[in-house]
Amino acid sequence: MSKELTHRADELASLGWSAEDVNRYAELWDYRQRWGAMNLEREDRLFLRKAEAALPVLITGKSAAKKNTKDKSYYRWLTFHLDAMTAFEAQMTIPDGARGAWPILLEEELRLLDHYQPVLGLPDTLKAKAFDAFRELMGEQAAALPEGNMQMGSYDFQNALLVLKEKENSKWRHLREQSGEQPYPVLLPGVVDTFRTDVRSQFTPLLRETLPSLKDSDKPEPTEPTAG
């Protein structure tokens, strides 16, 4: 029986396996961990062997270290989009201390991931798609702020990833499905902290309730850092 603590379905997905085969592997792996390989049908045992033969060999012993959260694909995906928007804002004419609503959303999600250290395997990343709706809602609220609190720009949320995909075989998805230039609310300095606090108060319980690997976590909420 495999001694791994979790399956490696996300790695199979990154190797180009179909969603159907990835899900089948995850279900069979869980079944084997619970009931043993002898209780699987021969066809299912052969499928598991094929899948595990396709995976990179795991390093064992002292050199085997848990993959850092910052190295997980989902975390790097968020960071990629955050970096793209940060570079975009550097070219904008905005006051010192102003910040886009969308970068704030990504910064706060990354902050929570750093704190709670979820597994971020396939079960987590599938469930994390529920955060799309939360980001859209908060983005709409920011865009509806009065003119004295927000400066509206426009941004192509897909362009940076399209450029990356031209250079390498990235399987990352777009942060937003809308193509072309989209409204991009930039919060002015007096509103940034208020918006950030609102995001934290809603995103913290949402993330803990959504990601399966945090289901039994009793880790306390992160302490509030210095504003800004």
Protein backbone atom coordinates (compact mmCIF):
# COMPACT_ATOMS: atom_id res chain seq x y z
CA MET A 1 0.00 0.00 0.00
CA SER A 2 1.25 3.48 -0.77
CA LYS A 3 2.74 5.29 2.23
CA GLU A 4 2.09 8.72 0.79
CA LEU A 5 -0.20 10.93 2.88
CA THR A 6 -2.12 12.23 -0.11
CA HIS A 7 -2.56 11.36 -3.76
CA ARG A 8 -0.72 13.22 -6.52
CA ALA A 9 -3.63 13.88 -8.84
CA ASP A 10 -2.59 17.48 -9.41
CA GLU A 11 0.72 16.23 -10.80
CA LEU A 12 -1.07 13.92 -13.23
CA ALA A 13 -3.19 16.86 -14.37
CA SER A 14 -0.03 18.88 -14.99
CA LEU A 15 1.28 15.99 -17.12
CA GLY A 16 -1.73 16.35 -19.42
CA TRP A 17 -3.95 13.52 -18.14
CA SER A 18 -7.66 14.03 -18.74
CA ALA A 19 -9.89 15.24 -15.91
CA GLU A 20 -11.73 11.89 -16.04
CA ASP A 21 -8.52 9.89 -15.55
CA VAL A 22 -7.24 12.26 -12.88
CA ASN A 23 -10.46 11.91 -10.90
CA ARG A 24 -10.44 8.13 -11.36
CA TYR A 25 -6.87 7.97 -10.03
CA ALA A 26 -7.77 10.09 -6.97
CA GLU A 27 -10.81 7.92 -6.16
CA LEU A 28 -8.90 4.65 -6.59
CA TRP A 29 -5.99 5.94 -4.54
CA ASP A 30 -8.33 6.86 -1.67
CA TYR A 31 -10.07 3.48 -1.90
CA ARG A 32 -6.72 1.63 -1.78
CA GLN A 33 -5.61 3.64 1.26
CA ARG A 34 -8.84 2.73 3.07
CA TRP A 35 -9.44 -0.87 2.01
CA GLY A 36 -6.19 -2.14 0.48
CA ALA A 37 -5.16 -2.98 -3.07
CA MET A 38 -6.48 -6.56 -2.87
CA ASN A 39 -10.04 -5.21 -2.78
CA LEU A 40 -9.63 -3.44 -6.11
CA GLU A 41 -10.55 -4.96 -9.44
CA ARG A 42 -7.56 -6.07 -11.52
CA GLU A 43 -8.31 -3.38 -14.12
CA ASP A 44 -8.25 -0.71 -11.41
CA ARG A 45 -4.98 -1.99 -9.94
CA LEU A 46 -3.40 -1.86 -13.39
CA PHE A 47 -4.69 1.68 -13.89
CA LEU A 48 -3.15 2.79 -10.58
CA ARG A 49 0.19 1.24 -11.52
CA LYS A 50 0.11 3.01 -14.89
CA ALA A 51 -0.69 6.35 -13.24
CA GLU A 52 1.99 6.02 -10.59
CA ALA A 53 4.56 4.94 -13.16
CA ALA A 54 3.89 8.20 -15.01
CA LEU A 55 4.56 10.31 -11.91
CA PRO A 56 8.05 11.63 -11.12
CA VAL A 57 9.89 9.55 -8.52
CA LEU A 58 9.53 10.95 -5.03
CA ILE A 59 12.70 11.63 -3.09
CA THR A 60 12.73 9.76 0.24
CA GLY A 61 14.77 9.97 3.40
CA LYS A 62 16.27 13.11 4.88
CA SER A 63 16.30 14.89 1.52
CA ALA A 64 12.56 14.49 1.14
CA ALA A 65 10.98 17.77 2.17
CA LYS A 66 7.36 18.82 2.09
CA LYS A 67 6.70 20.96 -0.94
CA ASN A 68 6.56 24.57 0.15
CA THR A 69 3.20 26.30 -0.22
CA LYS A 70 4.85 28.96 -2.37
CA ASP A 71 5.95 26.23 -4.81
CA LYS A 72 2.44 24.84 -5.35
CA SER A 73 0.91 25.53 -8.76
CA TYR A 74 -2.16 27.30 -7.36
CA TYR A 75 -0.04 29.66 -5.25
CA ARG A 76 2.22 30.43 -8.22
CA TRP A 77 -0.86 31.03 -10.39
CA LEU A 78 -2.14 33.67 -7.97
CA THR A 79 1.32 35.23 -7.72
CA PHE A 80 1.63 35.39 -11.50
CA HIS A 81 -1.60 37.37 -11.86
CA LEU A 82 -0.71 39.60 -8.90
CA ASP A 83 2.70 40.40 -10.40
CA ALA A 84 1.10 41.22 -13.77
CA MET A 85 -1.32 43.68 -12.18
CA THR A 86 1.40 45.21 -10.01
CA ALA A 87 3.49 45.86 -13.13
CA PHE A 88 0.44 47.34 -14.83
CA GLU A 89 -0.21 49.72 -11.93
CA ALA A 90 3.41 50.87 -12.01
CA GLN A 91 2.66 52.34 -15.45
CA MET A 92 -0.53 54.08 -14.29
CA THR A 93 -0.81 57.62 -12.99
CA ILE A 94 -2.21 57.00 -9.52
CA PRO A 95 -1.52 58.57 -6.10
CA ASP A 96 1.04 57.05 -3.74
CA GLY A 97 -0.64 54.46 -1.55
CA ALA A 98 -3.41 53.72 -4.05
CA ARG A 99 -3.96 50.06 -4.93
CA GLY A 100 -6.16 48.13 -7.31
CA ALA A 101 -9.03 46.18 -5.78
CA TRP A 102 -8.05 42.99 -7.62
CA PRO A 103 -4.43 42.95 -6.39
CA ILE A 104 -5.71 43.45 -2.84
CA LEU A 105 -7.93 40.38 -3.24
CA LEU A 106 -4.99 38.28 -4.41
CA GLU A 107 -2.67 39.64 -1.72
CA GLU A 108 -5.16 38.69 0.98
CA GLU A 109 -5.69 35.20 -0.43
CA LEU A 110 -1.94 34.61 -0.58
CA ARG A 111 -1.64 35.89 3.00
CA LEU A 112 -4.19 33.32 4.15
CA LEU A 113 -2.46 30.52 2.23
CA ASP A 114 0.85 31.45 3.86
CA HIS A 115 -0.80 31.30 7.27
CA TYR A 116 -2.93 28.15 6.98
CA GLN A 117 -0.62 26.14 4.68
CA PRO A 118 -3.34 24.05 2.96
CA VAL A 119 -2.32 21.02 0.88
CA LEU A 120 -3.39 22.73 -2.38
CA GLY A 121 -3.73 19.40 -4.17
CA LEU A 122 -6.52 18.69 -6.64
CA PRO A 123 -9.36 18.59 -4.05
CA ASP A 124 -8.35 22.02 -2.73
CA THR A 125 -7.79 23.63 -6.13
CA LEU A 126 -11.11 22.36 -7.50
CA LYS A 127 -12.97 23.80 -4.52
CA ALA A 128 -10.96 27.03 -4.74
CA LYS A 129 -12.80 27.89 -7.96
CA ALA A 130 -15.58 29.03 -5.62
CA PHE A 131 -13.36 32.03 -4.80
CA ASP A 132 -13.96 33.35 -8.33
CA ALA A 133 -17.45 34.49 -7.37
CA PHE A 134 -16.16 36.20 -4.22
CA ARG A 135 -13.52 38.12 -6.18
CA GLU A 136 -16.11 39.20 -8.73
CA LEU A 137 -18.46 40.41 -6.00
CA MET A 138 -15.77 42.40 -4.21
CA GLY A 139 -14.51 43.80 -7.52
CA GLU A 140 -18.01 45.01 -8.34
CA GLN A 141 -18.34 46.64 -4.92
CA ALA A 142 -15.05 48.46 -5.43
CA ALA A 143 -16.12 49.64 -8.89
CA ALA A 144 -19.34 51.05 -7.41
CA LEU A 145 -17.53 53.30 -4.93
CA PRO A 146 -17.96 57.06 -5.39
CA GLU A 147 -15.46 58.92 -7.53
CA GLY A 148 -13.66 60.41 -4.53
CA ASN A 149 -12.75 56.94 -3.24
CA MET A 150 -11.81 55.19 -6.44
CA GLN A 151 -10.08 55.84 -9.74
CA MET A 152 -11.30 53.70 -12.63
CA GLY A 153 -8.89 52.27 -15.15
CA SER A 154 -9.12 49.43 -17.66
CA TYR A 155 -7.14 46.19 -17.74
CA ASP A 156 -7.00 43.06 -19.90
CA PHE A 157 -7.10 40.27 -17.30
CA GLN A 158 -6.17 37.62 -19.89
CA ASN A 159 -3.32 39.26 -21.77
CA ALA A 160 -0.43 38.38 -19.41
CA LEU A 161 -1.33 34.68 -19.40
CA LEU A 162 -1.82 34.61 -23.17
CA VAL A 163 1.69 36.00 -23.55
CA LEU A 164 3.03 33.33 -21.18
CA LYS A 165 1.25 30.55 -23.07
CA GLU A 166 2.99 31.68 -26.27
CA LYS A 167 6.33 31.07 -24.56
CA GLU A 168 5.62 27.85 -22.64
CA ASN A 169 3.03 25.11 -22.26
CA SER A 170 1.22 26.59 -19.26
CA LYS A 171 -2.01 24.94 -18.15
CA TRP A 172 -2.99 27.80 -15.86
CA ARG A 173 -6.44 29.28 -16.35
CA HIS A 174 -7.39 32.92 -16.67
CA LEU A 175 -8.23 34.81 -13.50
CA ARG A 176 -11.39 36.06 -15.21
CA GLU A 177 -13.23 34.65 -18.20
CA GLN A 178 -14.03 38.05 -19.76
CA SER A 179 -11.70 38.86 -22.65
CA GLY A 180 -10.48 42.30 -23.68
CA GLU A 181 -10.23 45.46 -21.60
CA GLN A 182 -12.27 45.35 -18.39
CA PRO A 183 -13.01 47.95 -15.69
CA TYR A 184 -10.15 48.09 -13.18
CA PRO A 185 -11.00 49.99 -9.97
CA VAL A 186 -8.03 51.52 -8.15
CA LEU A 187 -8.80 52.43 -4.55
CA LEU A 188 -7.43 55.71 -3.31
CA PRO A 189 -5.24 55.77 -0.16
CA GLY A 190 -8.00 56.59 2.30
CA VAL A 191 -10.08 53.59 1.18
CA VAL A 192 -7.42 50.90 0.70
CA ASP A 193 -7.26 49.82 4.36
CA THR A 194 -11.05 49.75 4.74
CA PHE A 195 -11.44 47.56 1.65
CA ARG A 196 -8.60 45.29 2.74
CA THR A 197 -10.16 44.81 6.19
CA ASP A 198 -13.51 43.96 4.57
CA VAL A 199 -11.85 41.39 2.32
CA ARG A 200 -10.07 39.79 5.29
CA SER A 201 -13.20 39.55 7.40
CA GLN A 202 -15.05 37.69 4.62
CA PHE A 203 -12.26 35.73 2.96
CA THR A 204 -10.83 34.15 6.13
CA PRO A 205 -13.90 32.05 7.02
CA LEU A 206 -14.63 31.42 3.33
CA LEU A 207 -11.20 29.92 2.71
CA ARG A 208 -11.29 27.78 5.83
CA GLU A 209 -14.76 26.43 5.02
CA THR A 210 -14.01 25.82 1.34
CA LEU A 211 -10.65 24.01 1.20
CA PRO A 212 -10.98 20.31 2.16
CA SER A 213 -7.48 20.10 3.64
CA LEU A 214 -8.41 22.78 6.20
CA LYS A 215 -11.60 21.02 7.30
CA ASP A 216 -10.11 19.82 10.59
CA SER A 217 -7.68 22.68 11.09
CA ASP A 218 -7.80 24.34 14.50
CA LYS A 219 -5.20 26.95 13.63
CA PRO A 220 -6.28 30.39 14.86
CA GLU A 221 -6.93 33.23 12.48
CA PRO A 222 -3.86 35.23 11.43
CA THR A 223 -3.07 38.28 13.52
CA GLU A 224 -3.68 41.63 11.91
CA PRO A 225 -0.44 43.09 10.53
CA THR A 226 0.32 46.77 10.42
CA ALA A 227 -2.08 48.53 8.05
CA GLY A 228 -0.89 48.98 4.48
